[in-house]
PDB file of N, CA and C in Angstrom:
ATOM      1  N   UNK A   1      26.992  62.607  -3.341  1.00  0.00           N
ATOM      2  CA  UNK A   1      26.822  63.963  -4.908  1.00  0.00           C
ATOM      3  C   UNK A   1      27.824  64.519  -5.084  1.00  0.00           C
ATOM      4  N   UNK A   2      28.564  64.907  -4.021  1.00  0.00           N
ATOM      5  CA  UNK A   2      29.767  66.054  -3.929  1.00  0.00           C
ATOM      6  C   UNK A   2      31.051  65.133  -5.149  1.00  0.00           C
ATOM      7  N   UNK A   3      31.275  64.471  -5.559  1.00  0.00           N
ATOM      8  CA  UNK A   3      31.624  63.189  -6.276  1.00  0.00           C
ATOM      9  C   UNK A   3      31.484  63.774  -7.552  1.00  0.00           C
ATOM     10  N   UNK A   4      30.580  63.754  -7.691  1.00  0.00           N
ATOM     11  CA  UNK A   4      29.965  63.928  -8.621  1.00  0.00           C
ATOM     12  C   UNK A   4      29.968  65.850  -9.315  1.00  0.00           C
ATOM     13  N   UNK A   5      29.363  66.568  -8.289  1.00  0.00           N
ATOM     14  CA  UNK A   5      30.399  67.968  -8.137  1.00  0.00           C
ATOM     15  C   UNK A   5      32.518  67.839  -8.400  1.00  0.00           C
ATOM     16  N   UNK A   6      33.161  67.004  -7.642  1.00  0.00           N
ATOM     17  CA  UNK A   6      34.201  67.066  -7.926  1.00  0.00           C
ATOM     18  C   UNK A   6      34.662  66.578  -9.336  1.00  0.00           C
ATOM     19  N   UNK A   7      33.865  65.820  -9.687  1.00  0.00           N
ATOM     20  CA  UNK A   7      34.490  65.219 -11.139  1.00  0.00           C
ATOM     21  C   UNK A   7      33.730  66.366 -12.571  1.00  0.00           C
ATOM     22  N   UNK A   8      33.070  67.140 -11.891  1.00  0.00           N
ATOM     23  CA  UNK A   8      32.025  67.963 -12.775  1.00  0.00           C
ATOM     24  C   UNK A   8      33.264  69.717 -12.772  1.00  0.00           C
ATOM     25  N   UNK A   9      34.096  69.392 -12.111  1.00  0.00           N
ATOM     26  CA  UNK A   9      35.101  70.816 -11.463  1.00  0.00           C
ATOM     27  C   UNK A   9      36.018  70.128 -12.778  1.00  0.00           C
ATOM     28  N   UNK A  10      36.086  68.896 -11.812  1.00  0.00           N
ATOM     29  CA  UNK A  10      38.261  68.651 -12.754  1.00  0.00           C
ATOM     30  C   UNK A  10      37.811  68.491 -14.552  1.00  0.00           C
ATOM     31  N   UNK A  11      36.792  68.298 -14.774  1.00  0.00           N
ATOM     32  CA  UNK A  11      36.278  68.117 -16.610  1.00  0.00           C
ATOM     33  C   UNK A  11      36.078  69.804 -17.068  1.00  0.00           C
ATOM     34  N   UNK A  12      35.786  70.938 -16.466  1.00  0.00           N
ATOM     35  CA  UNK A  12      35.617  71.842 -16.180  1.00  0.00           C
ATOM     36  C   UNK A  12      36.866  72.652 -16.538  1.00  0.00           C
ATOM     37  N   UNK A  13      37.756  72.332 -16.096  1.00  0.00           N
ATOM     38  CA  UNK A  13      39.287  72.831 -15.929  1.00  0.00           C
ATOM     39  C   UNK A  13      39.987  72.255 -17.154  1.00  0.00           C
ATOM     40  N   UNK A  14      39.610  70.960 -17.313  1.00  0.00           N
ATOM     41  CA  UNK A  14      40.406  70.810 -18.100  1.00  0.00           C
ATOM     42  C   UNK A  14      39.763  71.837 -19.676  1.00  0.00           C
ATOM     43  N   UNK A  15      38.720  71.135 -19.052  1.00  0.00           N
ATOM     44  CA  UNK A  15      38.596  72.248 -20.639  1.00  0.00           C
ATOM     45  C   UNK A  15      38.539  73.795 -20.167  1.00  0.00           C
ATOM     46  N   UNK A  16      38.739  74.682 -19.854  1.00  0.00           N
ATOM     47  CA  UNK A  16      39.246  75.971 -19.463  1.00  0.00           C
ATOM     48  C   UNK A  16      40.818  75.472 -19.997  1.00  0.00           C
ATOM     49  N   UNK A  17      41.141  74.918 -19.460  1.00  0.00           N
ATOM     50  CA  UNK A  17      42.909  74.289 -20.925  1.00  0.00           C
ATOM     51  C   UNK A  17      42.719  74.463 -21.412  1.00  0.00           C
ATOM     52  N   UNK A  18      42.363  73.988 -22.577  1.00  0.00           N
ATOM     53  CA  UNK A  18      41.550  73.578 -23.615  1.00  0.00           C
ATOM     54  C   UNK A  18      41.303  74.760 -23.699  1.00  0.00           C
ATOM     55  N   UNK A  19      39.901  75.413 -24.220  1.00  0.00           N
ATOM     56  CA  UNK A  19      40.084  76.307 -24.195  1.00  0.00           C
ATOM     57  C   UNK A  19      40.618  77.437 -24.377  1.00  0.00           C
ATOM     58  N   UNK A  20      41.845  77.796 -22.960  1.00  0.00           N
ATOM     59  CA  UNK A  20      41.976  79.172 -23.026  1.00  0.00           C
ATOM     60  C   UNK A  20      42.878  78.598 -24.107  1.00  0.00           C
ATOM     61  N   UNK A  21      44.309  77.096 -24.912  1.00  0.00           N
ATOM     62  CA  UNK A  21      44.645  76.865 -25.800  1.00  0.00           C
ATOM     63  C   UNK A  21      44.418  77.517 -27.274  1.00  0.00           C
ATOM     64  N   UNK A  22      42.554  77.279 -27.004  1.00  0.00           N
ATOM     65  CA  UNK A  22      42.812  77.248 -28.586  1.00  0.00           C
ATOM     66  C   UNK A  22      41.697  78.313 -28.554  1.00  0.00           C
ATOM     67  N   UNK A  23      41.940  79.343 -27.396  1.00  0.00           N
ATOM     68  CA  UNK A  23      41.553  80.807 -27.388  1.00  0.00           C
ATOM     69  C   UNK A  23      42.630  81.937 -27.520  1.00  0.00           C
ATOM     70  N   UNK A  24      43.982  81.044 -27.311  1.00  0.00           N
ATOM     71  CA  UNK A  24      44.990  82.212 -27.743  1.00  0.00           C
ATOM     72  C   UNK A  24      45.939  81.616 -28.866  1.00  0.00           C
ATOM     73  N   UNK A  25      45.317  80.520 -29.257  1.00  0.00           N
ATOM     74  CA  UNK A  25      46.479  80.283 -30.836  1.00  0.00           C
ATOM     75  C   UNK A  25      45.519  81.190 -31.953  1.00  0.00           C
ATOM     76  N   UNK A  26      43.867  81.044 -31.728  1.00  0.00           N
ATOM     77  CA  UNK A  26      43.173  81.676 -32.777  1.00  0.00           C
ATOM     78  C   UNK A  26      43.090  83.022 -32.504  1.00  0.00           C
ATOM     79  N   UNK A  27      43.057  84.316 -31.490  1.00  0.00           N
ATOM     80  CA  UNK A  27      43.181  85.655 -31.386  1.00  0.00           C
ATOM     81  C   UNK A  27      43.975  86.402 -30.800  1.00  0.00           C
ATOM     82  N   UNK A  28      44.762  85.437 -30.015  1.00  0.00           N
ATOM     83  CA  UNK A  28      46.343  86.104 -29.914  1.00  0.00           C
ATOM     84  C   UNK A  28      45.687  86.300 -28.567  1.00  0.00           C
ATOM     85  N   UNK A  29      45.092  86.140 -28.113  1.00  0.00           N
ATOM     86  CA  UNK A  29      44.255  87.102 -26.433  1.00  0.00           C
ATOM     87  C   UNK A  29      45.291  86.678 -25.141  1.00  0.00           C
ATOM     88  N   UNK A  30      45.729  86.783 -25.073  1.00  0.00           N
ATOM     89  CA  UNK A  30      46.684  86.227 -23.970  1.00  0.00           C
ATOM     90  C   UNK A  30      46.562  86.450 -22.675  1.00  0.00           C
ATOM     91  N   UNK A  31      45.849  87.405 -22.355  1.00  0.00           N
ATOM     92  CA  UNK A  31      45.233  87.532 -21.035  1.00  0.00           C
ATOM     93  C   UNK A  31      44.015  87.024 -20.732  1.00  0.00           C
ATOM     94  N   UNK A  32      43.497  86.732 -22.188  1.00  0.00           N
ATOM     95  CA  UNK A  32      41.287  86.341 -21.537  1.00  0.00           C
ATOM     96  C   UNK A  32      42.340  84.907 -21.670  1.00  0.00           C
ATOM     97  N   UNK A  33      43.069  83.921 -22.218  1.00  0.00           N
ATOM     98  CA  UNK A  33      43.417  82.833 -22.134  1.00  0.00           C
ATOM     99  C   UNK A  33      44.411  82.457 -20.976  1.00  0.00           C
ATOM    100  N   UNK A  34      45.368  83.857 -20.353  1.00  0.00           N
ATOM    101  CA  UNK A  34      45.877  83.276 -19.044  1.00  0.00           C
ATOM    102  C   UNK A  34      44.635  83.368 -17.321  1.00  0.00           C
ATOM    103  N   UNK A  35      43.824  84.160 -17.632  1.00  0.00           N
ATOM    104  CA  UNK A  35      42.879  83.638 -17.087  1.00  0.00           C
ATOM    105  C   UNK A  35      42.094  82.870 -16.846  1.00  0.00           C
ATOM    106  N   UNK A  36      41.344  81.932 -18.461  1.00  0.00           N
ATOM    107  CA  UNK A  36      40.881  80.301 -18.290  1.00  0.00           C
ATOM    108  C   UNK A  36      41.928  80.159 -17.602  1.00  0.00           C
ATOM    109  N   UNK A  37      43.296  79.848 -16.915  1.00  0.00           N
ATOM    110  CA  UNK A  37      43.977  78.954 -16.924  1.00  0.00           C
ATOM    111  C   UNK A  37      44.125  79.125 -15.606  1.00  0.00           C
ATOM    112  N   UNK A  38      44.191  80.251 -15.195  1.00  0.00           N
ATOM    113  CA  UNK A  38      43.941  80.437 -13.734  1.00  0.00           C
ATOM    114  C   UNK A  38      42.681  80.172 -12.665  1.00  0.00           C
ATOM    115  N   UNK A  39      41.384  80.523 -13.989  1.00  0.00           N
ATOM    116  CA  UNK A  39      40.684  80.164 -13.488  1.00  0.00           C
ATOM    117  C   UNK A  39      40.592  78.328 -13.329  1.00  0.00           C
ATOM    118  N   UNK A  40      41.098  77.883 -14.480  1.00  0.00           N
ATOM    119  CA  UNK A  40      41.636  75.818 -14.097  1.00  0.00           C
ATOM    120  C   UNK A  40      42.383  76.484 -13.166  1.00  0.00           C
ATOM    121  N   UNK A  41      43.682  76.220 -12.272  1.00  0.00           N
ATOM    122  CA  UNK A  41      44.351  76.468 -12.164  1.00  0.00           C
ATOM    123  C   UNK A  41      42.845  76.181  -9.933  1.00  0.00           C
ATOM    124  N   UNK A  42      42.846  76.948 -10.048  1.00  0.00           N
ATOM    125  CA  UNK A  42      41.618  77.287  -8.885  1.00  0.00           C
ATOM    126  C   UNK A  42      40.749  76.920  -8.428  1.00  0.00           C
ATOM    127  N   UNK A  43      40.470  76.505  -9.896  1.00  0.00           N
ATOM    128  CA  UNK A  43      39.083  75.203  -9.859  1.00  0.00           C
ATOM    129  C   UNK A  43      40.318  73.483  -8.841  1.00  0.00           C
ATOM    130  N   UNK A  44      40.912  73.545  -9.702  1.00  0.00           N
ATOM    131  CA  UNK A  44      41.823  72.618  -9.674  1.00  0.00           C
ATOM    132  C   UNK A  44      42.247  72.565  -7.783  1.00  0.00           C
ATOM    133  N   UNK A  45      42.887  73.517  -7.684  1.00  0.00           N
ATOM    134  CA  UNK A  45      43.159  73.313  -5.789  1.00  0.00           C
ATOM    135  C   UNK A  45      42.217  73.145  -5.397  1.00  0.00           C
ATOM    136  N   UNK A  46      40.944  73.823  -5.408  1.00  0.00           N
ATOM    137  CA  UNK A  46      40.450  73.801  -4.524  1.00  0.00           C
ATOM    138  C   UNK A  46      39.055  71.803  -4.367  1.00  0.00           C
ATOM    139  N   UNK A  47      39.771  71.658  -5.524  1.00  0.00           N
ATOM    140  CA  UNK A  47      39.156  69.774  -5.555  1.00  0.00           C
ATOM    141  C   UNK A  47      40.062  69.259  -4.889  1.00  0.00           C
ATOM    142  N   UNK A  48      41.640  69.778  -5.263  1.00  0.00           N
ATOM    143  CA  UNK A  48      43.187  68.879  -3.825  1.00  0.00           C
ATOM    144  C   UNK A  48      43.029  68.961  -3.169  1.00  0.00           C
ATOM    145  N   UNK A  49      42.475  70.645  -2.552  1.00  0.00           N
ATOM    146  CA  UNK A  49      41.774  70.734  -0.996  1.00  0.00           C
ATOM    147  C   UNK A  49      40.881  69.840  -0.472  1.00  0.00           C
ATOM    148  N   UNK A  50      39.873  69.664  -1.093  1.00  0.00           N
ATOM    149  CA  UNK A  50      38.575  68.825  -0.870  1.00  0.00           C
ATOM    150  C   UNK A  50      38.821  67.392  -0.822  1.00  0.00           C
ATOM    151  N   UNK A  51      40.483  66.754  -1.448  1.00  0.00           N
ATOM    152  CA  UNK A  51      40.176  65.086  -1.852  1.00  0.00           C
ATOM    153  C   UNK A  51      42.030  64.796  -0.992  1.00  0.00           C
ATOM    154  N   UNK A  52      42.941  65.643  -0.913  1.00  0.00           N
ATOM    155  CA  UNK A  52      43.509  64.991  -0.213  1.00  0.00           C
ATOM    156  C   UNK A  52      44.100  65.490   0.983  1.00  0.00           C
ATOM    157  N   UNK A  53      44.726  63.512   1.771  1.00  0.00           N
ATOM    158  CA  UNK A  53      43.989  63.760   3.139  1.00  0.00           C
ATOM    159  C   UNK A  53      45.217  64.846   3.931  1.00  0.00           C
ATOM    160  N   UNK A  54      45.236  64.566   5.230  1.00  0.00           N
ATOM    161  CA  UNK A  54      46.295  65.982   4.939  1.00  0.00           C
ATOM    162  C   UNK A  54      46.557  64.987   6.537  1.00  0.00           C
ATOM    163  N   UNK A  55      47.146  65.083   7.990  1.00  0.00           N
ATOM    164  CA  UNK A  55      48.174  64.378   8.562  1.00  0.00           C
ATOM    165  C   UNK A  55      47.857  64.221   9.683  1.00  0.00           C
ATOM    166  N   UNK A  56      46.314  63.636   9.736  1.00  0.00           N
ATOM    167  CA  UNK A  56      45.913  62.445  10.467  1.00  0.00           C
ATOM    168  C   UNK A  56      45.211  61.205   9.333  1.00  0.00           C
ATOM    169  N   UNK A  57      45.809  61.569   8.617  1.00  0.00           N
ATOM    170  CA  UNK A  57      45.639  60.820   6.863  1.00  0.00           C
ATOM    171  C   UNK A  57      43.955  60.582   6.562  1.00  0.00           C
ATOM    172  N   UNK A  58      42.792  61.332   6.878  1.00  0.00           N
ATOM    173  CA  UNK A  58      41.346  61.556   6.707  1.00  0.00           C
ATOM    174  C   UNK A  58      41.449  62.699   5.647  1.00  0.00           C
ATOM    175  N   UNK A  59      41.099  62.556   4.588  1.00  0.00           N
ATOM    176  CA  UNK A  59      40.894  63.824   3.512  1.00  0.00           C
ATOM    177  C   UNK A  59      39.351  64.448   3.707  1.00  0.00           C
ATOM    178  N   UNK A  60      39.197  66.164   3.476  1.00  0.00           N
ATOM    179  CA  UNK A  60      37.646  66.600   4.694  1.00  0.00           C
ATOM    180  C   UNK A  60      36.584  65.897   3.578  1.00  0.00           C
ATOM    181  N   UNK A  61      37.328  65.584   2.691  1.00  0.00           N
ATOM    182  CA  UNK A  61      35.596  65.155   2.287  1.00  0.00           C
ATOM    183  C   UNK A  61      35.373  64.145   2.660  1.00  0.00           C
ATOM    184  N   UNK A  62      35.631  62.913   3.054  1.00  0.00           N
ATOM    185  CA  UNK A  62      35.564  62.103   4.209  1.00  0.00           C
ATOM    186  C   UNK A  62      35.061  62.003   5.480  1.00  0.00           C
ATOM    187  N   UNK A  63      35.374  62.711   6.384  1.00  0.00           N
ATOM    188  CA  UNK A  63      35.370  63.605   6.912  1.00  0.00           C
ATOM    189  C   UNK A  63      33.841  64.306   7.054  1.00  0.00           C
ATOM    190  N   UNK A  64      33.155  64.983   5.578  1.00  0.00           N
ATOM    191  CA  UNK A  64      31.831  65.385   5.844  1.00  0.00           C
ATOM    192  C   UNK A  64      31.215  64.205   5.414  1.00  0.00           C
ATOM    193  N   UNK A  65      31.772  63.050   4.627  1.00  0.00           N
ATOM    194  CA  UNK A  65      30.941  62.190   4.055  1.00  0.00           C
ATOM    195  C   UNK A  65      30.749  61.210   6.119  1.00  0.00           C
ATOM    196  N   UNK A  66      31.314  60.987   6.797  1.00  0.00           N
ATOM    197  CA  UNK A  66      31.683  60.431   7.922  1.00  0.00           C
ATOM    198  C   UNK A  66      30.065  61.540   8.474  1.00  0.00           C
ATOM    199  N   UNK A  67      29.929  62.339   8.454  1.00  0.00           N
ATOM    200  CA  UNK A  67      29.423  62.929   9.718  1.00  0.00           C
ATOM    201  C   UNK A  67      27.941  62.810   9.181  1.00  0.00           C
ATOM    202  N   UNK A  68      27.377  62.842   7.909  1.00  0.00           N
ATOM    203  CA  UNK A  68      26.556  62.842   6.872  1.00  0.00           C
ATOM    204  C   UNK A  68      25.348  61.500   7.492  1.00  0.00           C
ATOM    205  N   UNK A  69      25.928  60.316   7.631  1.00  0.00           N
ATOM    206  CA  UNK A  69      25.497  59.294   8.127  1.00  0.00           C
ATOM    207  C   UNK A  69      25.261  59.548   8.893  1.00  0.00           C
TER     208      UNK A  69
END
């Protein structure tokens, strides 16, 4: 289930980046476009935190899945 949430988060971040580009090109509103880019960056960093392994070689997502079994 958490894999689906992380996948949707990545898709949302990609759509935010595309939307920010089109918002900037169409209206010239740089402030809102930059806020959308910042939100996409934060979402991708959250995904990275959950999926990248630590020094021990185990990702927090794997630890969570092992604890649920």
